[in-house]
Amino acid sequence: MIRVHLYVCLIGAALYAQVHTASLTGLVTDPSGAVIGDARVTARNLATNVELVTQTDASGYYTLPALQVGVYEVSVEKQGFKKAVATNVELVVGQKARLDFRLDLGTLAESVTVEAGAPLAATEEASLGSVVENPRVRNLPLSRRNWDDLLGLIPGVHSDRYTEQGGGTAAGRTGGANVHGVRSLQNNFLLDGVDNNSISTNVQELTTQIV
């Protein structure tokens, strides 16, 4: 998958974190809307069966900050309530998703299952981002299998095949794109979460990524 982010920085220097996981947060309440603390929340990756477990805090919120991308089953358990299960919860790279639960009164032997069909709301961040899904990466006829041709599928992104100095061509340069009007040489590239940028005072005819 390819995810493109635009970050607007209001300070002189920017620190770029590794972005190769997703996060999930949410609020757990009872039928009256009151928050439920100390509820057990489990996220199970359906591809690997790896489980991550956390508890809701006193305000009823849970957070799973570093989940591998993929499809999950998320369950919530609390004594005195029916177990709630959300299936087919899909998380993509860089996503900060929110999934709330409302527990019904009952026993843990009973459960309520919800199919998470619609995309999860990303209410926990203000940055603009898009994902190019794997089927499109595999199936679209790309010239020389050049990944940056996929950037044209993302709203607000315009391909930039020229350098920023003197208008000279840069036929070999990949990753040249203007994201919502930002100059292409201000893009930040990560490869598997690791910095992948070429840095030089002379940007003429220079690639903006190392690999």
N, C-alpha and C. Protein backbone atom coordinates (compact mmCIF):
# COMPACT_ATOMS: atom_id res chain seq x y z
N MET A 1 0.82 -1.18 0.00
CA MET A 1 0.00 0.00 0.00
C MET A 1 0.87 1.25 0.00
N ILE A 2 0.35 2.33 -0.57
CA ILE A 2 1.04 3.60 -0.57
C ILE A 2 0.15 4.61 0.12
N ARG A 3 0.66 5.27 1.14
CA ARG A 3 -0.12 6.28 1.82
C ARG A 3 0.62 7.60 1.71
N VAL A 4 -0.08 8.67 1.30
CA VAL A 4 0.52 9.98 1.14
C VAL A 4 -0.04 10.89 2.21
N HIS A 5 0.84 11.55 2.95
CA HIS A 5 0.42 12.48 3.98
C HIS A 5 0.96 13.88 3.67
N LEU A 6 0.20 14.89 4.00
CA LEU A 6 0.66 16.26 3.94
C LEU A 6 0.68 16.80 5.36
N TYR A 7 1.86 17.21 5.83
CA TYR A 7 1.97 17.76 7.17
C TYR A 7 2.33 19.24 7.05
N VAL A 8 1.60 20.10 7.73
CA VAL A 8 1.90 21.52 7.75
C VAL A 8 2.62 21.81 9.05
N CYS A 9 3.88 22.24 8.95
CA CYS A 9 4.69 22.47 10.14
C CYS A 9 4.80 23.96 10.40
N LEU A 10 4.56 24.38 11.63
CA LEU A 10 4.62 25.78 12.00
C LEU A 10 5.89 26.11 12.77
N ILE A 11 6.85 25.20 12.78
CA ILE A 11 8.11 25.43 13.46
C ILE A 11 9.23 25.25 12.47
N GLY A 12 10.42 25.71 12.85
CA GLY A 12 11.53 25.71 11.92
C GLY A 12 12.01 24.34 11.53
N ALA A 13 11.97 23.39 12.44
CA ALA A 13 12.47 22.04 12.16
C ALA A 13 11.36 21.05 12.39
N ALA A 14 11.37 20.00 11.58
CA ALA A 14 10.34 18.97 11.70
C ALA A 14 10.99 17.65 12.07
N LEU A 15 10.32 16.88 12.92
CA LEU A 15 10.78 15.55 13.27
C LEU A 15 9.84 14.55 12.63
N TYR A 16 10.36 13.65 11.81
CA TYR A 16 9.55 12.70 11.08
C TYR A 16 9.59 11.35 11.78
N ALA A 17 8.44 10.88 12.23
CA ALA A 17 8.35 9.60 12.90
C ALA A 17 8.14 8.49 11.88
N GLN A 18 8.44 7.28 12.31
CA GLN A 18 8.18 6.14 11.45
C GLN A 18 6.67 5.92 11.36
N VAL A 19 6.18 5.79 10.15
CA VAL A 19 4.75 5.60 9.94
C VAL A 19 4.55 4.33 9.13
N HIS A 20 4.48 3.19 9.81
CA HIS A 20 4.24 1.94 9.11
C HIS A 20 3.22 1.08 9.86
N THR A 21 2.60 1.68 10.87
CA THR A 21 1.57 0.98 11.63
C THR A 21 0.29 1.82 11.64
N ALA A 22 -0.71 1.35 12.35
CA ALA A 22 -1.96 2.09 12.52
C ALA A 22 -2.30 2.10 14.00
N SER A 23 -3.25 2.95 14.38
CA SER A 23 -3.69 2.98 15.77
C SER A 23 -5.21 2.95 15.82
N LEU A 24 -5.71 2.49 16.97
CA LEU A 24 -7.16 2.37 17.15
C LEU A 24 -7.51 2.85 18.55
N THR A 25 -8.52 3.69 18.65
CA THR A 25 -9.00 4.17 19.93
C THR A 25 -10.52 4.18 19.92
N GLY A 26 -11.11 4.35 21.09
CA GLY A 26 -12.57 4.39 21.15
C GLY A 26 -13.08 4.53 22.56
N LEU A 27 -14.39 4.71 22.68
CA LEU A 27 -15.07 4.89 23.96
C LEU A 27 -16.00 3.71 24.20
N VAL A 28 -15.99 3.19 25.42
CA VAL A 28 -16.86 2.08 25.80
C VAL A 28 -17.88 2.58 26.82
N THR A 29 -19.17 2.40 26.52
CA THR A 29 -20.23 2.88 27.39
C THR A 29 -21.25 1.78 27.65
N ASP A 30 -22.13 2.02 28.65
CA ASP A 30 -23.22 1.09 28.94
C ASP A 30 -24.48 1.56 28.23
N PRO A 31 -25.62 0.86 28.37
CA PRO A 31 -26.84 1.25 27.63
C PRO A 31 -27.33 2.66 27.94
N SER A 32 -26.98 3.20 29.12
CA SER A 32 -27.42 4.55 29.47
C SER A 32 -26.46 5.62 28.96
N GLY A 33 -25.34 5.19 28.40
CA GLY A 33 -24.35 6.15 27.91
C GLY A 33 -23.24 6.45 28.90
N ALA A 34 -23.32 5.85 30.11
CA ALA A 34 -22.26 6.05 31.11
C ALA A 34 -21.00 5.29 30.69
N VAL A 35 -19.84 5.86 30.98
CA VAL A 35 -18.58 5.24 30.56
C VAL A 35 -18.28 4.02 31.42
N ILE A 36 -17.54 3.08 30.83
CA ILE A 36 -17.16 1.85 31.52
C ILE A 36 -15.64 1.79 31.60
N GLY A 37 -15.12 1.83 32.81
CA GLY A 37 -13.68 1.71 33.01
C GLY A 37 -13.27 0.27 33.24
N ASP A 38 -11.99 -0.01 33.06
CA ASP A 38 -11.40 -1.34 33.30
C ASP A 38 -12.03 -2.44 32.46
N ALA A 39 -12.58 -2.10 31.30
CA ALA A 39 -13.05 -3.13 30.38
C ALA A 39 -11.85 -3.65 29.58
N ARG A 40 -11.85 -4.92 29.30
CA ARG A 40 -10.75 -5.56 28.56
C ARG A 40 -11.04 -5.45 27.06
N VAL A 41 -10.09 -4.87 26.32
CA VAL A 41 -10.23 -4.69 24.87
C VAL A 41 -9.14 -5.51 24.18
N THR A 42 -9.54 -6.37 23.27
CA THR A 42 -8.59 -7.25 22.57
C THR A 42 -8.73 -7.05 21.07
N ALA A 43 -7.62 -6.80 20.41
CA ALA A 43 -7.59 -6.70 18.94
C ALA A 43 -6.79 -7.89 18.41
N ARG A 44 -7.44 -8.73 17.60
CA ARG A 44 -6.79 -9.93 17.04
C ARG A 44 -6.64 -9.78 15.54
N ASN A 45 -5.40 -9.86 15.08
CA ASN A 45 -5.11 -9.79 13.65
C ASN A 45 -5.58 -11.09 13.00
N LEU A 46 -6.50 -11.01 12.06
CA LEU A 46 -7.08 -12.21 11.47
C LEU A 46 -6.09 -12.97 10.59
N ALA A 47 -5.05 -12.30 10.11
CA ALA A 47 -4.07 -12.97 9.26
C ALA A 47 -3.02 -13.72 10.07
N THR A 48 -2.67 -13.19 11.25
CA THR A 48 -1.59 -13.77 12.04
C THR A 48 -2.05 -14.36 13.37
N ASN A 49 -3.28 -14.04 13.78
CA ASN A 49 -3.82 -14.45 15.09
C ASN A 49 -3.09 -13.80 16.26
N VAL A 50 -2.26 -12.81 16.00
CA VAL A 50 -1.59 -12.07 17.08
C VAL A 50 -2.61 -11.16 17.76
N GLU A 51 -2.61 -11.19 19.09
CA GLU A 51 -3.55 -10.38 19.86
C GLU A 51 -2.83 -9.29 20.64
N LEU A 52 -3.45 -8.10 20.67
CA LEU A 52 -2.99 -7.02 21.53
C LEU A 52 -4.13 -6.68 22.47
N VAL A 53 -3.81 -6.55 23.75
CA VAL A 53 -4.83 -6.36 24.78
C VAL A 53 -4.55 -5.08 25.55
N THR A 54 -5.62 -4.35 25.87
CA THR A 54 -5.50 -3.16 26.70
C THR A 54 -6.76 -3.04 27.55
N GLN A 55 -6.80 -2.04 28.44
CA GLN A 55 -7.95 -1.78 29.29
C GLN A 55 -8.46 -0.36 29.05
N THR A 56 -9.75 -0.16 29.24
CA THR A 56 -10.27 1.20 29.20
C THR A 56 -9.86 1.92 30.48
N ASP A 57 -9.65 3.23 30.37
CA ASP A 57 -9.28 4.01 31.56
C ASP A 57 -10.54 4.48 32.29
N ALA A 58 -10.36 5.33 33.29
CA ALA A 58 -11.48 5.79 34.10
C ALA A 58 -12.50 6.58 33.30
N SER A 59 -12.08 7.14 32.19
CA SER A 59 -13.00 7.91 31.34
C SER A 59 -13.64 7.05 30.26
N GLY A 60 -13.36 5.73 30.27
CA GLY A 60 -13.99 4.82 29.32
C GLY A 60 -13.27 4.66 28.00
N TYR A 61 -12.12 5.28 27.82
CA TYR A 61 -11.41 5.22 26.55
C TYR A 61 -10.33 4.13 26.57
N TYR A 62 -10.11 3.54 25.41
CA TYR A 62 -9.00 2.61 25.21
C TYR A 62 -8.17 3.11 24.03
N THR A 63 -6.91 2.70 24.01
CA THR A 63 -6.03 3.07 22.90
C THR A 63 -5.09 1.91 22.60
N LEU A 64 -5.02 1.55 21.33
CA LEU A 64 -4.04 0.58 20.84
C LEU A 64 -3.17 1.35 19.84
N PRO A 65 -2.00 1.83 20.26
CA PRO A 65 -1.27 2.82 19.47
C PRO A 65 -0.44 2.28 18.32
N ALA A 66 -0.11 1.00 18.30
CA ALA A 66 0.82 0.48 17.28
C ALA A 66 0.36 -0.87 16.79
N LEU A 67 -0.61 -0.87 15.89
CA LEU A 67 -1.13 -2.11 15.31
C LEU A 67 -0.57 -2.28 13.90
N GLN A 68 -0.15 -3.50 13.57
CA GLN A 68 0.25 -3.78 12.20
C GLN A 68 -0.98 -3.64 11.29
N VAL A 69 -0.76 -3.15 10.10
CA VAL A 69 -1.88 -2.97 9.18
C VAL A 69 -2.49 -4.33 8.85
N GLY A 70 -3.79 -4.34 8.64
CA GLY A 70 -4.47 -5.59 8.34
C GLY A 70 -5.91 -5.54 8.81
N VAL A 71 -6.54 -6.71 8.84
CA VAL A 71 -7.94 -6.84 9.24
C VAL A 71 -7.99 -7.47 10.62
N TYR A 72 -8.81 -6.90 11.50
CA TYR A 72 -8.84 -7.30 12.90
C TYR A 72 -10.25 -7.69 13.35
N GLU A 73 -10.28 -8.48 14.41
CA GLU A 73 -11.48 -8.68 15.21
C GLU A 73 -11.22 -8.00 16.55
N VAL A 74 -12.10 -7.08 16.91
CA VAL A 74 -11.92 -6.32 18.15
C VAL A 74 -13.05 -6.68 19.11
N SER A 75 -12.71 -7.10 20.32
CA SER A 75 -13.71 -7.50 21.30
C SER A 75 -13.52 -6.72 22.60
N VAL A 76 -14.65 -6.52 23.30
CA VAL A 76 -14.65 -5.81 24.58
C VAL A 76 -15.38 -6.66 25.60
N GLU A 77 -14.76 -6.85 26.78
CA GLU A 77 -15.35 -7.68 27.84
C GLU A 77 -15.34 -6.93 29.16
N LYS A 78 -16.43 -7.06 29.91
CA LYS A 78 -16.54 -6.48 31.23
C LYS A 78 -17.57 -7.27 32.02
N GLN A 79 -17.23 -7.65 33.24
CA GLN A 79 -18.15 -8.43 34.07
C GLN A 79 -19.48 -7.69 34.23
N GLY A 80 -20.60 -8.43 34.03
CA GLY A 80 -21.92 -7.84 34.14
C GLY A 80 -22.49 -7.37 32.81
N PHE A 81 -21.69 -7.52 31.74
CA PHE A 81 -22.12 -7.08 30.41
C PHE A 81 -21.88 -8.19 29.39
N LYS A 82 -22.64 -8.15 28.31
CA LYS A 82 -22.40 -9.07 27.20
C LYS A 82 -21.11 -8.67 26.48
N LYS A 83 -20.40 -9.66 26.01
CA LYS A 83 -19.19 -9.42 25.24
C LYS A 83 -19.55 -8.81 23.89
N ALA A 84 -18.87 -7.73 23.51
CA ALA A 84 -19.11 -7.08 22.21
C ALA A 84 -17.95 -7.39 21.28
N VAL A 85 -18.27 -7.76 20.05
CA VAL A 85 -17.25 -8.14 19.07
C VAL A 85 -17.50 -7.40 17.77
N ALA A 86 -16.48 -6.74 17.25
CA ALA A 86 -16.54 -6.10 15.93
C ALA A 86 -15.62 -6.88 15.00
N THR A 87 -16.15 -7.36 13.89
CA THR A 87 -15.37 -8.17 12.95
C THR A 87 -15.01 -7.37 11.71
N ASN A 88 -13.99 -7.85 10.99
CA ASN A 88 -13.55 -7.24 9.73
C ASN A 88 -13.25 -5.75 9.89
N VAL A 89 -12.49 -5.44 10.93
CA VAL A 89 -12.05 -4.06 11.16
C VAL A 89 -10.74 -3.88 10.41
N GLU A 90 -10.77 -3.17 9.32
CA GLU A 90 -9.58 -3.02 8.47
C GLU A 90 -8.83 -1.73 8.82
N LEU A 91 -7.54 -1.87 9.06
CA LEU A 91 -6.68 -0.73 9.37
C LEU A 91 -5.60 -0.63 8.29
N VAL A 92 -5.37 0.58 7.81
CA VAL A 92 -4.36 0.82 6.78
C VAL A 92 -3.22 1.63 7.37
N VAL A 93 -2.12 1.69 6.64
CA VAL A 93 -0.91 2.30 7.15
C VAL A 93 -1.14 3.78 7.48
N GLY A 94 -0.67 4.17 8.64
CA GLY A 94 -0.77 5.56 9.07
C GLY A 94 -2.14 5.97 9.59
N GLN A 95 -3.10 5.05 9.61
CA GLN A 95 -4.46 5.40 10.02
C GLN A 95 -4.57 5.55 11.53
N LYS A 96 -5.33 6.54 11.96
CA LYS A 96 -5.67 6.73 13.36
C LYS A 96 -7.19 6.61 13.46
N ALA A 97 -7.66 5.40 13.67
CA ALA A 97 -9.09 5.10 13.58
C ALA A 97 -9.74 5.12 14.96
N ARG A 98 -11.05 5.29 14.94
CA ARG A 98 -11.83 5.27 16.18
C ARG A 98 -12.99 4.29 16.03
N LEU A 99 -13.15 3.45 17.06
CA LEU A 99 -14.23 2.47 17.07
C LEU A 99 -14.81 2.42 18.47
N ASP A 100 -16.04 2.93 18.63
CA ASP A 100 -16.71 2.96 19.94
C ASP A 100 -17.56 1.70 20.14
N PHE A 101 -17.78 1.35 21.41
CA PHE A 101 -18.60 0.20 21.76
C PHE A 101 -19.63 0.61 22.81
N ARG A 102 -20.84 0.06 22.70
CA ARG A 102 -21.86 0.17 23.74
C ARG A 102 -22.22 -1.23 24.19
N LEU A 103 -21.92 -1.54 25.46
CA LEU A 103 -22.13 -2.88 25.99
C LEU A 103 -23.54 -3.02 26.55
N ASP A 104 -24.18 -4.16 26.24
CA ASP A 104 -25.50 -4.48 26.79
C ASP A 104 -25.35 -5.27 28.08
N LEU A 105 -26.30 -5.09 28.99
CA LEU A 105 -26.30 -5.84 30.24
C LEU A 105 -26.48 -7.33 29.94
N GLY A 106 -25.76 -8.17 30.69
CA GLY A 106 -25.84 -9.61 30.49
C GLY A 106 -24.63 -10.29 31.09
N THR A 107 -24.32 -11.46 30.58
CA THR A 107 -23.15 -12.21 31.06
C THR A 107 -22.11 -12.32 29.96
N LEU A 108 -20.88 -12.63 30.35
CA LEU A 108 -19.80 -12.76 29.36
C LEU A 108 -20.02 -13.94 28.44
N ALA A 109 -20.86 -14.90 28.87
CA ALA A 109 -21.15 -16.04 28.00
C ALA A 109 -21.98 -15.61 26.80
N GLU A 110 -22.66 -14.46 26.90
CA GLU A 110 -23.42 -13.92 25.78
C GLU A 110 -22.55 -12.93 25.03
N SER A 111 -22.80 -12.79 23.75
CA SER A 111 -22.00 -11.85 22.96
C SER A 111 -22.86 -11.20 21.89
N VAL A 112 -22.45 -10.02 21.51
CA VAL A 112 -23.08 -9.27 20.43
C VAL A 112 -22.02 -8.99 19.38
N THR A 113 -22.25 -9.43 18.15
CA THR A 113 -21.27 -9.27 17.07
C THR A 113 -21.75 -8.23 16.09
N VAL A 114 -20.84 -7.32 15.72
CA VAL A 114 -21.15 -6.27 14.76
C VAL A 114 -20.19 -6.38 13.60
N GLU A 115 -20.69 -6.36 12.38
CA GLU A 115 -19.85 -6.38 11.18
C GLU A 115 -19.42 -4.97 10.87
N ALA A 116 -18.11 -4.72 10.91
CA ALA A 116 -17.57 -3.39 10.64
C ALA A 116 -17.37 -3.23 9.15
N GLY A 117 -18.43 -2.93 8.43
CA GLY A 117 -18.34 -2.85 6.97
C GLY A 117 -17.85 -1.52 6.46
N ALA A 118 -18.35 -0.41 7.06
CA ALA A 118 -17.97 0.92 6.58
C ALA A 118 -16.57 1.27 7.06
N PRO A 119 -15.84 2.11 6.31
CA PRO A 119 -14.51 2.54 6.76
C PRO A 119 -14.61 3.23 8.12
N LEU A 120 -13.62 2.99 8.98
CA LEU A 120 -13.62 3.60 10.30
C LEU A 120 -13.36 5.08 10.20
N ALA A 121 -14.04 5.82 11.06
CA ALA A 121 -13.82 7.27 11.10
C ALA A 121 -12.43 7.56 11.62
N ALA A 122 -11.76 8.52 11.00
CA ALA A 122 -10.43 8.95 11.45
C ALA A 122 -10.58 10.33 12.06
N THR A 123 -11.09 10.38 13.28
CA THR A 123 -11.37 11.66 13.94
C THR A 123 -10.24 12.10 14.85
N GLU A 124 -9.17 11.32 14.92
CA GLU A 124 -8.12 11.61 15.89
C GLU A 124 -6.95 12.38 15.28
N GLU A 125 -7.04 12.79 14.02
CA GLU A 125 -5.97 13.55 13.38
C GLU A 125 -6.55 14.52 12.38
N ALA A 126 -5.78 15.59 12.09
CA ALA A 126 -6.24 16.61 11.17
C ALA A 126 -5.47 16.59 9.85
N SER A 127 -4.46 15.73 9.73
CA SER A 127 -3.66 15.69 8.50
C SER A 127 -4.46 15.06 7.37
N LEU A 128 -4.12 15.48 6.14
CA LEU A 128 -4.75 14.91 4.95
C LEU A 128 -3.97 13.68 4.53
N GLY A 129 -4.68 12.62 4.16
CA GLY A 129 -3.99 11.41 3.76
C GLY A 129 -4.85 10.55 2.87
N SER A 130 -4.21 9.74 2.04
CA SER A 130 -4.91 8.82 1.16
C SER A 130 -4.12 7.52 1.07
N VAL A 131 -4.82 6.47 0.74
CA VAL A 131 -4.19 5.16 0.58
C VAL A 131 -4.51 4.63 -0.81
N VAL A 132 -3.49 4.13 -1.50
CA VAL A 132 -3.69 3.41 -2.76
C VAL A 132 -3.66 1.94 -2.41
N GLU A 133 -4.79 1.25 -2.56
CA GLU A 133 -4.93 -0.12 -2.10
C GLU A 133 -4.10 -1.09 -2.96
N ASN A 134 -3.76 -2.22 -2.33
CA ASN A 134 -2.93 -3.23 -3.00
C ASN A 134 -3.48 -3.70 -4.34
N PRO A 135 -4.80 -3.97 -4.48
CA PRO A 135 -5.29 -4.42 -5.80
C PRO A 135 -5.01 -3.43 -6.92
N ARG A 136 -5.07 -2.15 -6.63
CA ARG A 136 -4.78 -1.16 -7.66
C ARG A 136 -3.29 -1.13 -7.99
N VAL A 137 -2.46 -1.31 -6.96
CA VAL A 137 -1.02 -1.34 -7.20
C VAL A 137 -0.65 -2.53 -8.08
N ARG A 138 -1.29 -3.68 -7.82
CA ARG A 138 -0.97 -4.91 -8.57
C ARG A 138 -1.52 -4.87 -9.99
N ASN A 139 -2.71 -4.33 -10.18
CA ASN A 139 -3.45 -4.54 -11.42
C ASN A 139 -3.37 -3.39 -12.42
N LEU A 140 -3.07 -2.18 -11.99
CA LEU A 140 -3.03 -1.08 -12.94
C LEU A 140 -1.80 -1.18 -13.83
N PRO A 141 -1.95 -0.89 -15.14
CA PRO A 141 -0.82 -0.98 -16.08
C PRO A 141 0.10 0.22 -15.93
N LEU A 142 1.14 0.10 -15.12
CA LEU A 142 2.08 1.19 -14.89
C LEU A 142 3.27 1.06 -15.83
N SER A 143 3.68 2.18 -16.40
CA SER A 143 4.85 2.19 -17.27
C SER A 143 6.09 1.87 -16.45
N ARG A 144 6.79 0.81 -16.82
CA ARG A 144 8.00 0.35 -16.12
C ARG A 144 7.71 0.06 -14.65
N ARG A 145 6.46 -0.19 -14.31
CA ARG A 145 6.05 -0.46 -12.93
C ARG A 145 6.54 0.65 -12.00
N ASN A 146 6.43 1.88 -12.45
CA ASN A 146 6.90 3.03 -11.71
C ASN A 146 5.85 3.44 -10.69
N TRP A 147 6.15 3.28 -9.40
CA TRP A 147 5.15 3.48 -8.36
C TRP A 147 4.61 4.89 -8.30
N ASP A 148 5.43 5.89 -8.64
CA ASP A 148 4.96 7.26 -8.44
C ASP A 148 3.88 7.67 -9.43
N ASP A 149 3.65 6.85 -10.49
CA ASP A 149 2.51 7.12 -11.36
C ASP A 149 1.20 6.95 -10.60
N LEU A 150 1.20 6.21 -9.51
CA LEU A 150 0.00 6.02 -8.70
C LEU A 150 -0.39 7.29 -7.95
N LEU A 151 0.56 8.22 -7.78
CA LEU A 151 0.26 9.45 -7.05
C LEU A 151 -0.83 10.26 -7.74
N GLY A 152 -0.95 10.10 -9.06
CA GLY A 152 -1.97 10.84 -9.79
C GLY A 152 -3.39 10.42 -9.46
N LEU A 153 -3.55 9.29 -8.76
CA LEU A 153 -4.87 8.82 -8.36
C LEU A 153 -5.39 9.52 -7.12
N ILE A 154 -4.52 10.27 -6.44
CA ILE A 154 -4.87 10.85 -5.15
C ILE A 154 -5.33 12.29 -5.34
N PRO A 155 -6.50 12.67 -4.82
CA PRO A 155 -6.97 14.05 -4.94
C PRO A 155 -5.99 15.03 -4.32
N GLY A 156 -5.75 16.13 -5.02
CA GLY A 156 -4.85 17.17 -4.51
C GLY A 156 -3.40 16.96 -4.84
N VAL A 157 -3.07 15.86 -5.57
CA VAL A 157 -1.68 15.58 -5.92
C VAL A 157 -1.51 15.76 -7.42
N HIS A 158 -0.48 16.54 -7.81
CA HIS A 158 -0.20 16.80 -9.22
C HIS A 158 1.22 16.39 -9.53
N SER A 159 1.39 15.55 -10.53
CA SER A 159 2.72 15.07 -10.90
C SER A 159 3.61 16.22 -11.34
N ASP A 160 4.87 16.20 -10.90
CA ASP A 160 5.84 17.24 -11.23
C ASP A 160 7.06 16.58 -11.83
N ARG A 161 7.19 16.63 -13.16
CA ARG A 161 8.31 15.99 -13.85
C ARG A 161 9.45 16.96 -14.12
N TYR A 162 9.42 18.12 -13.52
CA TYR A 162 10.46 19.12 -13.74
C TYR A 162 11.09 19.52 -12.42
N THR A 163 12.33 19.98 -12.48
CA THR A 163 12.98 20.45 -11.26
C THR A 163 12.43 21.81 -10.89
N GLU A 164 12.76 22.25 -9.69
CA GLU A 164 12.27 23.54 -9.21
C GLU A 164 13.18 24.69 -9.65
N GLN A 165 14.32 24.38 -10.28
CA GLN A 165 15.26 25.42 -10.67
C GLN A 165 15.44 25.43 -12.18
N GLY A 166 15.11 26.53 -12.80
CA GLY A 166 15.40 26.73 -14.22
C GLY A 166 14.53 25.95 -15.17
N GLY A 167 13.61 25.14 -14.67
CA GLY A 167 12.70 24.42 -15.55
C GLY A 167 13.32 23.28 -16.31
N GLY A 168 14.52 22.83 -15.91
CA GLY A 168 15.14 21.72 -16.60
C GLY A 168 14.40 20.43 -16.35
N THR A 169 14.45 19.52 -17.30
CA THR A 169 13.75 18.25 -17.12
C THR A 169 14.54 17.34 -16.21
N ALA A 170 13.84 16.43 -15.57
CA ALA A 170 14.47 15.44 -14.70
C ALA A 170 13.83 14.10 -14.99
N ALA A 171 14.15 13.55 -16.16
CA ALA A 171 13.46 12.35 -16.63
C ALA A 171 13.62 11.18 -15.69
N GLY A 172 14.77 11.12 -14.98
CA GLY A 172 15.00 9.97 -14.12
C GLY A 172 14.47 10.13 -12.72
N ARG A 173 13.93 11.29 -12.40
CA ARG A 173 13.51 11.56 -11.02
C ARG A 173 12.15 10.97 -10.75
N THR A 174 12.02 10.21 -9.68
CA THR A 174 10.72 9.66 -9.29
C THR A 174 10.29 10.31 -7.98
N GLY A 175 8.99 10.25 -7.72
CA GLY A 175 8.47 10.85 -6.50
C GLY A 175 8.26 12.33 -6.60
N GLY A 176 8.39 12.91 -7.80
CA GLY A 176 8.17 14.33 -7.97
C GLY A 176 6.69 14.63 -8.09
N ALA A 177 6.11 15.22 -7.06
CA ALA A 177 4.69 15.51 -7.06
C ALA A 177 4.42 16.68 -6.13
N ASN A 178 3.49 17.54 -6.54
CA ASN A 178 3.03 18.63 -5.69
C ASN A 178 1.80 18.16 -4.93
N VAL A 179 1.89 18.18 -3.60
CA VAL A 179 0.78 17.73 -2.75
C VAL A 179 0.08 18.96 -2.19
N HIS A 180 -1.12 19.23 -2.68
CA HIS A 180 -1.91 20.39 -2.25
C HIS A 180 -1.10 21.68 -2.34
N GLY A 181 -0.35 21.82 -3.43
CA GLY A 181 0.37 23.06 -3.69
C GLY A 181 1.75 23.15 -3.09
N VAL A 182 2.16 22.20 -2.28
CA VAL A 182 3.50 22.22 -1.70
C VAL A 182 4.52 21.80 -2.74
N ARG A 183 5.68 22.46 -2.76
CA ARG A 183 6.71 22.14 -3.75
C ARG A 183 7.16 20.69 -3.61
N SER A 184 7.46 20.07 -4.74
CA SER A 184 7.80 18.65 -4.73
C SER A 184 9.06 18.35 -3.95
N LEU A 185 9.98 19.30 -3.85
CA LEU A 185 11.22 19.07 -3.12
C LEU A 185 11.02 19.16 -1.61
N GLN A 186 9.80 19.45 -1.18
CA GLN A 186 9.50 19.47 0.26
C GLN A 186 8.78 18.19 0.70
N ASN A 187 8.66 17.21 -0.21
CA ASN A 187 8.04 15.94 0.17
C ASN A 187 8.96 15.16 1.10
N ASN A 188 8.36 14.32 1.93
CA ASN A 188 9.13 13.43 2.81
C ASN A 188 8.80 11.99 2.44
N PHE A 189 9.83 11.18 2.17
CA PHE A 189 9.64 9.79 1.76
C PHE A 189 10.13 8.85 2.86
N LEU A 190 9.29 7.86 3.18
CA LEU A 190 9.66 6.79 4.10
C LEU A 190 9.53 5.47 3.38
N LEU A 191 10.49 4.58 3.57
CA LEU A 191 10.44 3.24 3.01
C LEU A 191 10.46 2.25 4.16
N ASP A 192 9.34 1.53 4.36
CA ASP A 192 9.20 0.63 5.50
C ASP A 192 9.50 1.35 6.81
N GLY A 193 9.06 2.61 6.90
CA GLY A 193 9.22 3.37 8.12
C GLY A 193 10.56 4.05 8.30
N VAL A 194 11.47 3.89 7.33
CA VAL A 194 12.81 4.47 7.44
C VAL A 194 12.95 5.62 6.46
N ASP A 195 13.64 6.69 6.88
CA ASP A 195 13.85 7.86 6.04
C ASP A 195 14.46 7.46 4.70
N ASN A 196 13.92 7.98 3.60
CA ASN A 196 14.35 7.61 2.25
C ASN A 196 14.47 8.85 1.38
N ASN A 197 15.11 9.89 1.91
CA ASN A 197 15.23 11.16 1.21
C ASN A 197 16.68 11.44 0.83
N SER A 198 16.87 12.02 -0.36
CA SER A 198 18.19 12.51 -0.74
C SER A 198 18.25 14.00 -0.41
N ILE A 199 19.35 14.42 0.17
CA ILE A 199 19.48 15.79 0.65
C ILE A 199 20.70 16.41 0.00
N SER A 200 20.51 17.60 -0.60
CA SER A 200 21.63 18.29 -1.25
C SER A 200 21.28 19.76 -1.36
N THR A 201 22.31 20.61 -1.33
CA THR A 201 22.08 22.04 -1.54
C THR A 201 21.84 22.34 -3.01
N ASN A 202 22.27 21.44 -3.89
CA ASN A 202 22.04 21.61 -5.32
C ASN A 202 21.00 20.59 -5.76
N VAL A 203 19.76 21.03 -5.92
CA VAL A 203 18.67 20.10 -6.21
C VAL A 203 18.43 19.91 -7.70
N GLN A 204 19.19 20.62 -8.55
CA GLN A 204 19.00 20.51 -9.98
C GLN A 204 19.25 19.07 -10.44
N GLU A 205 18.26 18.48 -11.12
CA GLU A 205 18.37 17.14 -11.67
C GLU A 205 18.59 16.07 -10.62
N LEU A 206 18.23 16.33 -9.37
CA LEU A 206 18.50 15.40 -8.29
C LEU A 206 17.23 14.64 -7.95
N THR A 207 17.34 13.34 -7.68
CA THR A 207 16.18 12.59 -7.24
C THR A 207 15.82 13.03 -5.82
N THR A 208 14.53 12.94 -5.49
CA THR A 208 14.08 13.33 -4.17
C THR A 208 13.97 12.15 -3.23
N GLN A 209 14.29 10.96 -3.72
CA GLN A 209 14.31 9.78 -2.87
C GLN A 209 15.55 8.96 -3.19
N ILE A 210 16.00 8.18 -2.23
CA ILE A 210 17.23 7.42 -2.42
C ILE A 210 16.96 6.15 -3.20
N VAL A 211 15.94 5.40 -2.81
CA VAL A 211 15.62 4.13 -3.45
C VAL A 211 14.40 4.35 -4.33
